[in-house]
Amino acid sequence: MEPRISIVEWLIVVCLVGFYAAAAAAIVLWWRQRDRRRQVELADVREWQRDNFRITTDTTAMDLDAIHAMLTRAYWSPGID
């Protein structure tokens, strides 16, 4: 991950090149960090399958309603929010 720019460094850039250029540079840095975090999230998807069972870390492939229903009806779950 890229190092973040400190407020002092940002103020120095503001003094040297002006507010709008510094703001544009900060936005570009933020966008690059955001894009890299997204790439890491996508790269961390794991999946295993055997017979009719599939285990995955891909949240887009999960049926959250079914997972919630199973967890709320489990014998050990009464009283757990």
PDB file of N, CA and C in Angstrom:
ATOM      1  N   MET A   1       0.842  -1.167   0.000  1.00  0.00           N
ATOM      2  CA  MET A   1       0.000   0.000   0.000  1.00  0.00           C
ATOM      3  C   MET A   1       0.895   1.242   0.000  1.00  0.00           C
ATOM      4  N   GLU A   2       0.476   2.238  -0.756  1.00  0.00           N
ATOM      5  CA  GLU A   2       1.228   3.483  -0.813  1.00  0.00           C
ATOM      6  C   GLU A   2       1.168   4.201   0.526  1.00  0.00           C
ATOM      7  N   PRO A   3       2.261   4.853   0.903  1.00  0.00           N
ATOM      8  CA  PRO A   3       2.205   5.626   2.149  1.00  0.00           C
ATOM      9  C   PRO A   3       1.261   6.804   1.996  1.00  0.00           C
ATOM     10  N   ARG A   4       0.560   7.114   3.057  1.00  0.00           N
ATOM     11  CA  ARG A   4      -0.347   8.260   3.043  1.00  0.00           C
ATOM     12  C   ARG A   4       0.456   9.541   3.149  1.00  0.00           C
ATOM     13  N   ILE A   5      -0.097  10.589   2.588  1.00  0.00           N
ATOM     14  CA  ILE A   5       0.542  11.900   2.679  1.00  0.00           C
ATOM     15  C   ILE A   5       0.090  12.548   3.992  1.00  0.00           C
ATOM     16  N   SER A   6       1.043  13.086   4.731  1.00  0.00           N
ATOM     17  CA  SER A   6       0.694  13.717   6.007  1.00  0.00           C
ATOM     18  C   SER A   6       0.134  15.111   5.755  1.00  0.00           C
ATOM     19  N   ILE A   7      -0.519  15.657   6.752  1.00  0.00           N
ATOM     20  CA  ILE A   7      -1.097  16.993   6.630  1.00  0.00           C
ATOM     21  C   ILE A   7      -0.007  18.036   6.416  1.00  0.00           C
ATOM     22  N   VAL A   8       1.143  17.838   7.035  1.00  0.00           N
ATOM     23  CA  VAL A   8       2.254  18.786   6.866  1.00  0.00           C
ATOM     24  C   VAL A   8       2.754  18.753   5.426  1.00  0.00           C
ATOM     25  N   GLU A   9       2.928  17.541   4.893  1.00  0.00           N
ATOM     26  CA  GLU A   9       3.366  17.421   3.499  1.00  0.00           C
ATOM     27  C   GLU A   9       2.343  18.049   2.555  1.00  0.00           C
ATOM     28  N   TRP A  10       1.073  17.845   2.842  1.00  0.00           N
ATOM     29  CA  TRP A  10       0.019  18.405   1.997  1.00  0.00           C
ATOM     30  C   TRP A  10       0.045  19.930   2.047  1.00  0.00           C
ATOM     31  N   LEU A  11       0.242  20.493   3.232  1.00  0.00           N
ATOM     32  CA  LEU A  11       0.313  21.954   3.359  1.00  0.00           C
ATOM     33  C   LEU A  11       1.522  22.527   2.618  1.00  0.00           C
ATOM     34  N   ILE A  12       2.633  21.797   2.628  1.00  0.00           N
ATOM     35  CA  ILE A  12       3.812  22.241   1.870  1.00  0.00           C
ATOM     36  C   ILE A  12       3.497  22.264   0.379  1.00  0.00           C
ATOM     37  N   VAL A  13       2.822  21.225  -0.095  1.00  0.00           N
ATOM     38  CA  VAL A  13       2.433  21.177  -1.509  1.00  0.00           C
ATOM     39  C   VAL A  13       1.483  22.322  -1.828  1.00  0.00           C
ATOM     40  N   VAL A  14       0.552  22.614  -0.926  1.00  0.00           N
ATOM     41  CA  VAL A  14      -0.378  23.733  -1.132  1.00  0.00           C
ATOM     42  C   VAL A  14       0.395  25.034  -1.295  1.00  0.00           C
ATOM     43  N   CYS A  15       1.381  25.255  -0.444  1.00  0.00           N
ATOM     44  CA  CYS A  15       2.173  26.484  -0.523  1.00  0.00           C
ATOM     45  C   CYS A  15       2.974  26.555  -1.821  1.00  0.00           C
ATOM     46  N   LEU A  16       3.475  25.427  -2.275  1.00  0.00           N
ATOM     47  CA  LEU A  16       4.331  25.425  -3.458  1.00  0.00           C
ATOM     48  C   LEU A  16       3.550  25.492  -4.766  1.00  0.00           C
ATOM     49  N   VAL A  17       2.463  24.732  -4.879  1.00  0.00           N
ATOM     50  CA  VAL A  17       1.781  24.637  -6.177  1.00  0.00           C
ATOM     51  C   VAL A  17       0.353  25.147  -6.156  1.00  0.00           C
ATOM     52  N   GLY A  18      -0.157  25.466  -5.013  1.00  0.00           N
ATOM     53  CA  GLY A  18      -1.512  25.988  -4.948  1.00  0.00           C
ATOM     54  C   GLY A  18      -2.509  24.944  -4.478  1.00  0.00           C
ATOM     55  N   PHE A  19      -3.633  25.448  -4.004  1.00  0.00           N
ATOM     56  CA  PHE A  19      -4.646  24.586  -3.397  1.00  0.00           C
ATOM     57  C   PHE A  19      -5.219  23.574  -4.373  1.00  0.00           C
ATOM     58  N   TYR A  20      -5.586  24.013  -5.572  1.00  0.00           N
ATOM     59  CA  TYR A  20      -6.269  23.115  -6.507  1.00  0.00           C
ATOM     60  C   TYR A  20      -5.368  21.976  -6.977  1.00  0.00           C
ATOM     61  N   ALA A  21      -4.111  22.272  -7.209  1.00  0.00           N
ATOM     62  CA  ALA A  21      -3.176  21.217  -7.603  1.00  0.00           C
ATOM     63  C   ALA A  21      -2.971  20.230  -6.456  1.00  0.00           C
ATOM     64  N   ALA A  22      -2.886  20.744  -5.227  1.00  0.00           N
ATOM     65  CA  ALA A  22      -2.715  19.865  -4.066  1.00  0.00           C
ATOM     66  C   ALA A  22      -3.953  19.009  -3.854  1.00  0.00           C
ATOM     67  N   ALA A  23      -5.131  19.604  -4.025  1.00  0.00           N
ATOM     68  CA  ALA A  23      -6.368  18.841  -3.879  1.00  0.00           C
ATOM     69  C   ALA A  23      -6.458  17.765  -4.949  1.00  0.00           C
ATOM     70  N   ALA A  24      -6.077  18.094  -6.171  1.00  0.00           N
ATOM     71  CA  ALA A  24      -6.095  17.103  -7.249  1.00  0.00           C
ATOM     72  C   ALA A  24      -5.123  15.967  -6.956  1.00  0.00           C
ATOM     73  N   ALA A  25      -3.938  16.298  -6.439  1.00  0.00           N
ATOM     74  CA  ALA A  25      -2.962  15.264  -6.095  1.00  0.00           C
ATOM     75  C   ALA A  25      -3.486  14.370  -4.978  1.00  0.00           C
ATOM     76  N   ALA A  26      -4.143  14.959  -3.982  1.00  0.00           N
ATOM     77  CA  ALA A  26      -4.709  14.165  -2.885  1.00  0.00           C
ATOM     78  C   ALA A  26      -5.797  13.230  -3.394  1.00  0.00           C
ATOM     79  N   ILE A  27      -6.615  13.708  -4.320  1.00  0.00           N
ATOM     80  CA  ILE A  27      -7.673  12.861  -4.882  1.00  0.00           C
ATOM     81  C   ILE A  27      -7.067  11.707  -5.669  1.00  0.00           C
ATOM     82  N   VAL A  28      -6.030  11.984  -6.447  1.00  0.00           N
ATOM     83  CA  VAL A  28      -5.368  10.917  -7.215  1.00  0.00           C
ATOM     84  C   VAL A  28      -4.775   9.876  -6.276  1.00  0.00           C
ATOM     85  N   LEU A  29      -4.102  10.312  -5.210  1.00  0.00           N
ATOM     86  CA  LEU A  29      -3.540   9.362  -4.238  1.00  0.00           C
ATOM     87  C   LEU A  29      -4.634   8.524  -3.595  1.00  0.00           C
ATOM     88  N   TRP A  30      -5.724   9.173  -3.195  1.00  0.00           N
ATOM     89  CA  TRP A  30      -6.838   8.442  -2.583  1.00  0.00           C
ATOM     90  C   TRP A  30      -7.399   7.416  -3.555  1.00  0.00           C
ATOM     91  N   TRP A  31      -7.590   7.804  -4.818  1.00  0.00           N
ATOM     92  CA  TRP A  31      -8.177   6.910  -5.820  1.00  0.00           C
ATOM     93  C   TRP A  31      -7.279   5.699  -6.058  1.00  0.00           C
ATOM     94  N   ARG A  32      -5.975   5.917  -6.120  1.00  0.00           N
ATOM     95  CA  ARG A  32      -5.043   4.797  -6.317  1.00  0.00           C
ATOM     96  C   ARG A  32      -5.098   3.832  -5.139  1.00  0.00           C
ATOM     97  N   GLN A  33      -5.125   4.350  -3.917  1.00  0.00           N
ATOM     98  CA  GLN A  33      -5.202   3.489  -2.737  1.00  0.00           C
ATOM     99  C   GLN A  33      -6.508   2.720  -2.732  1.00  0.00           C
ATOM    100  N   ARG A  34      -7.608   3.377  -3.081  1.00  0.00           N
ATOM    101  CA  ARG A  34      -8.917   2.728  -3.130  1.00  0.00           C
ATOM    102  C   ARG A  34      -8.911   1.607  -4.163  1.00  0.00           C
ATOM    103  N   ASP A  35      -8.332   1.878  -5.325  1.00  0.00           N
ATOM    104  CA  ASP A  35      -8.279   0.884  -6.391  1.00  0.00           C
ATOM    105  C   ASP A  35      -7.432  -0.314  -5.970  1.00  0.00           C
ATOM    106  N   ARG A  36      -6.319  -0.071  -5.287  1.00  0.00           N
ATOM    107  CA  ARG A  36      -5.470  -1.179  -4.832  1.00  0.00           C
ATOM    108  C   ARG A  36      -6.178  -2.013  -3.767  1.00  0.00           C
ATOM    109  N   ARG A  37      -6.911  -1.348  -2.850  1.00  0.00           N
ATOM    110  CA  ARG A  37      -7.663  -2.097  -1.834  1.00  0.00           C
ATOM    111  C   ARG A  37      -8.701  -2.982  -2.503  1.00  0.00           C
ATOM    112  N   ARG A  38      -9.361  -2.481  -3.532  1.00  0.00           N
ATOM    113  CA  ARG A  38     -10.374  -3.259  -4.253  1.00  0.00           C
ATOM    114  C   ARG A  38      -9.730  -4.463  -4.931  1.00  0.00           C
ATOM    115  N   GLN A  39      -8.544  -4.291  -5.514  1.00  0.00           N
ATOM    116  CA  GLN A  39      -7.856  -5.406  -6.151  1.00  0.00           C
ATOM    117  C   GLN A  39      -7.499  -6.475  -5.128  1.00  0.00           C
ATOM    118  N   VAL A  40      -7.086  -6.063  -3.936  1.00  0.00           N
ATOM    119  CA  VAL A  40      -6.762  -7.023  -2.878  1.00  0.00           C
ATOM    120  C   VAL A  40      -8.016  -7.772  -2.453  1.00  0.00           C
ATOM    121  N   GLU A  41      -9.146  -7.057  -2.313  1.00  0.00           N
ATOM    122  CA  GLU A  41     -10.396  -7.710  -1.937  1.00  0.00           C
ATOM    123  C   GLU A  41     -10.790  -8.759  -2.968  1.00  0.00           C
ATOM    124  N   LEU A  42     -10.664  -8.440  -4.244  1.00  0.00           N
ATOM    125  CA  LEU A  42     -11.022  -9.386  -5.293  1.00  0.00           C
ATOM    126  C   LEU A  42     -10.059 -10.560  -5.329  1.00  0.00           C
ATOM    127  N   ALA A  43      -8.788 -10.313  -5.022  1.00  0.00           N
ATOM    128  CA  ALA A  43      -7.793 -11.378  -5.058  1.00  0.00           C
ATOM    129  C   ALA A  43      -7.948 -12.341  -3.890  1.00  0.00           C
ATOM    130  N   ASP A  44      -8.608 -11.930  -2.820  1.00  0.00           N
ATOM    131  CA  ASP A  44      -8.735 -12.767  -1.635  1.00  0.00           C
ATOM    132  C   ASP A  44      -9.888 -13.764  -1.700  1.00  0.00           C
ATOM    133  N   VAL A  45     -10.594 -13.850  -2.815  1.00  0.00           N
ATOM    134  CA  VAL A  45     -11.716 -14.785  -2.934  1.00  0.00           C
ATOM    135  C   VAL A  45     -11.169 -16.205  -3.031  1.00  0.00           C
ATOM    136  N   ARG A  46     -11.667 -17.067  -2.186  1.00  0.00           N
ATOM    137  CA  ARG A  46     -11.274 -18.480  -2.181  1.00  0.00           C
ATOM    138  C   ARG A  46     -12.520 -19.327  -2.369  1.00  0.00           C
ATOM    139  N   GLU A  47     -12.335 -20.490  -2.975  1.00  0.00           N
ATOM    140  CA  GLU A  47     -13.486 -21.360  -3.190  1.00  0.00           C
ATOM    141  C   GLU A  47     -13.037 -22.815  -3.229  1.00  0.00           C
ATOM    142  N   TRP A  48     -13.828 -23.680  -2.579  1.00  0.00           N
ATOM    143  CA  TRP A  48     -13.610 -25.116  -2.588  1.00  0.00           C
ATOM    144  C   TRP A  48     -14.931 -25.790  -2.896  1.00  0.00           C
ATOM    145  N   GLN A  49     -14.877 -26.892  -3.604  1.00  0.00           N
ATOM    146  CA  GLN A  49     -16.116 -27.599  -3.927  1.00  0.00           C
ATOM    147  C   GLN A  49     -15.873 -29.102  -3.858  1.00  0.00           C
ATOM    148  N   ARG A  50     -16.852 -29.794  -3.258  1.00  0.00           N
ATOM    149  CA  ARG A  50     -16.828 -31.253  -3.210  1.00  0.00           C
ATOM    150  C   ARG A  50     -18.270 -31.728  -3.284  1.00  0.00           C
ATOM    151  N   ASP A  51     -18.533 -32.622  -4.206  1.00  0.00           N
ATOM    152  CA  ASP A  51     -19.884 -33.127  -4.455  1.00  0.00           C
ATOM    153  C   ASP A  51     -20.833 -31.938  -4.663  1.00  0.00           C
ATOM    154  N   ASN A  52     -21.897 -31.859  -3.873  1.00  0.00           N
ATOM    155  CA  ASN A  52     -22.867 -30.770  -4.020  1.00  0.00           C
ATOM    156  C   ASN A  52     -22.599 -29.598  -3.079  1.00  0.00           C
ATOM    157  N   PHE A  53     -21.466 -29.609  -2.395  1.00  0.00           N
ATOM    158  CA  PHE A  53     -21.154 -28.567  -1.417  1.00  0.00           C
ATOM    159  C   PHE A  53     -20.092 -27.622  -1.964  1.00  0.00           C
ATOM    160  N   ARG A  54     -20.316 -26.337  -1.730  1.00  0.00           N
ATOM    161  CA  ARG A  54     -19.350 -25.329  -2.157  1.00  0.00           C
ATOM    162  C   ARG A  54     -19.085 -24.389  -0.990  1.00  0.00           C
ATOM    163  N   ILE A  55     -17.825 -24.179  -0.697  1.00  0.00           N
ATOM    164  CA  ILE A  55     -17.397 -23.225   0.324  1.00  0.00           C
ATOM    165  C   ILE A  55     -16.703 -22.088  -0.407  1.00  0.00           C
ATOM    166  N   THR A  56     -17.130 -20.855  -0.132  1.00  0.00           N
ATOM    167  CA  THR A  56     -16.561 -19.705  -0.818  1.00  0.00           C
ATOM    168  C   THR A  56     -16.468 -18.509   0.115  1.00  0.00           C
ATOM    169  N   THR A  57     -15.528 -17.638  -0.180  1.00  0.00           N
ATOM    170  CA  THR A  57     -15.424 -16.366   0.533  1.00  0.00           C
ATOM    171  C   THR A  57     -15.978 -15.226  -0.314  1.00  0.00           C
ATOM    172  N   ASP A  58     -16.512 -15.556  -1.479  1.00  0.00           N
ATOM    173  CA  ASP A  58     -17.099 -14.562  -2.381  1.00  0.00           C
ATOM    174  C   ASP A  58     -18.477 -14.176  -1.859  1.00  0.00           C
ATOM    175  N   THR A  59     -18.595 -12.985  -1.295  1.00  0.00           N
ATOM    176  CA  THR A  59     -19.865 -12.574  -0.690  1.00  0.00           C
ATOM    177  C   THR A  59     -20.969 -12.378  -1.717  1.00  0.00           C
ATOM    178  N   THR A  60     -20.615 -12.156  -2.975  1.00  0.00           N
ATOM    179  CA  THR A  60     -21.651 -11.993  -4.001  1.00  0.00           C
ATOM    180  C   THR A  60     -22.305 -13.317  -4.355  1.00  0.00           C
ATOM    181  N   ALA A  61     -21.658 -14.428  -4.025  1.00  0.00           N
ATOM    182  CA  ALA A  61     -22.209 -15.744  -4.333  1.00  0.00           C
ATOM    183  C   ALA A  61     -23.010 -16.322  -3.168  1.00  0.00           C
ATOM    184  N   MET A  62     -23.050 -15.624  -2.043  1.00  0.00           N
ATOM    185  CA  MET A  62     -23.723 -16.137  -0.848  1.00  0.00           C
ATOM    186  C   MET A  62     -25.190 -15.730  -0.820  1.00  0.00           C
ATOM    187  N   ASP A  63     -26.038 -16.646  -0.376  1.00  0.00           N
ATOM    188  CA  ASP A  63     -27.467 -16.360  -0.193  1.00  0.00           C
ATOM    189  C   ASP A  63     -27.646 -15.911   1.256  1.00  0.00           C
ATOM    190  N   LEU A  64     -27.584 -14.605   1.474  1.00  0.00           N
ATOM    191  CA  LEU A  64     -27.606 -14.067   2.837  1.00  0.00           C
ATOM    192  C   LEU A  64     -28.907 -14.359   3.563  1.00  0.00           C
ATOM    193  N   ASP A  65     -30.029 -14.404   2.842  1.00  0.00           N
ATOM    194  CA  ASP A  65     -31.308 -14.734   3.480  1.00  0.00           C
ATOM    195  C   ASP A  65     -31.292 -16.160   4.017  1.00  0.00           C
ATOM    196  N   ALA A  66     -30.754 -17.087   3.248  1.00  0.00           N
ATOM    197  CA  ALA A  66     -30.672 -18.483   3.693  1.00  0.00           C
ATOM    198  C   ALA A  66     -29.714 -18.628   4.872  1.00  0.00           C
ATOM    199  N   ILE A  67     -28.594 -17.927   4.817  1.00  0.00           N
ATOM    200  CA  ILE A  67     -27.622 -17.981   5.917  1.00  0.00           C
ATOM    201  C   ILE A  67     -28.242 -17.417   7.194  1.00  0.00           C
ATOM    202  N   HIS A  68     -28.927 -16.289   7.088  1.00  0.00           N
ATOM    203  CA  HIS A  68     -29.568 -15.682   8.253  1.00  0.00           C
ATOM    204  C   HIS A  68     -30.642 -16.601   8.821  1.00  0.00           C
ATOM    205  N   ALA A  69     -31.452 -17.199   7.948  1.00  0.00           N
ATOM    206  CA  ALA A  69     -32.513 -18.102   8.412  1.00  0.00           C
ATOM    207  C   ALA A  69     -31.924 -19.295   9.155  1.00  0.00           C
ATOM    208  N   MET A  70     -30.855 -19.873   8.629  1.00  0.00           N
ATOM    209  CA  MET A  70     -30.236 -21.020   9.285  1.00  0.00           C
ATOM    210  C   MET A  70     -29.668 -20.626  10.644  1.00  0.00           C
ATOM    211  N   LEU A  71     -28.995 -19.484  10.691  1.00  0.00           N
ATOM    212  CA  LEU A  71     -28.381 -19.066  11.951  1.00  0.00           C
ATOM    213  C   LEU A  71     -29.414 -18.702  13.011  1.00  0.00           C
ATOM    214  N   THR A  72     -30.529 -18.103  12.622  1.00  0.00           N
ATOM    215  CA  THR A  72     -31.542 -17.733  13.614  1.00  0.00           C
ATOM    216  C   THR A  72     -32.335 -18.932  14.105  1.00  0.00           C
ATOM    217  N   ARG A  73     -32.337 -20.022  13.356  1.00  0.00           N
ATOM    218  CA  ARG A  73     -33.089 -21.215  13.757  1.00  0.00           C
ATOM    219  C   ARG A  73     -32.218 -22.306  14.378  1.00  0.00           C
ATOM    220  N   ALA A  74     -30.924 -22.076  14.465  1.00  0.00           N
ATOM    221  CA  ALA A  74     -30.031 -23.073  15.051  1.00  0.00           C
ATOM    222  C   ALA A  74     -30.360 -23.257  16.531  1.00  0.00           C
ATOM    223  N   TYR A  75     -30.141 -24.457  17.037  1.00  0.00           N
ATOM    224  CA  TYR A  75     -30.502 -24.760  18.427  1.00  0.00           C
ATOM    225  C   TYR A  75     -29.740 -23.898  19.426  1.00  0.00           C
ATOM    226  N   TRP A  76     -28.566 -23.430  19.055  1.00  0.00           N
ATOM    227  CA  TRP A  76     -27.738 -22.665  19.978  1.00  0.00           C
ATOM    228  C   TRP A  76     -27.944 -21.156  19.859  1.00  0.00           C
ATOM    229  N   SER A  77     -28.819 -20.711  18.941  1.00  0.00           N
ATOM    230  CA  SER A  77     -28.915 -19.276  18.678  1.00  0.00           C
ATOM    231  C   SER A  77     -30.006 -18.505  19.414  1.00  0.00           C
ATOM    232  N   PRO A  78     -30.956 -19.122  20.112  1.00  0.00           N
ATOM    233  CA  PRO A  78     -31.968 -18.303  20.785  1.00  0.00           C
ATOM    234  C   PRO A  78     -31.327 -17.295  21.749  1.00  0.00           C
ATOM    235  N   GLY A  79     -31.787 -16.062  21.648  1.00  0.00           N
ATOM    236  CA  GLY A  79     -31.276 -15.011  22.516  1.00  0.00           C
ATOM    237  C   GLY A  79     -30.071 -14.274  21.970  1.00  0.00           C
ATOM    238  N   ILE A  80     -29.520 -14.725  20.850  1.00  0.00           N
ATOM    239  CA  ILE A  80     -28.376 -14.043  20.240  1.00  0.00           C
ATOM    240  C   ILE A  80     -28.896 -13.110  19.160  1.00  0.00           C
ATOM    241  N   ASP A  81     -28.498 -11.855  19.225  1.00  0.00           N
ATOM    242  CA  ASP A  81     -28.937 -10.886  18.207  1.00  0.00           C
ATOM    243  C   ASP A  81     -28.205 -11.109  16.907  1.00  0.00           C
TER     244      ASP A  81
END
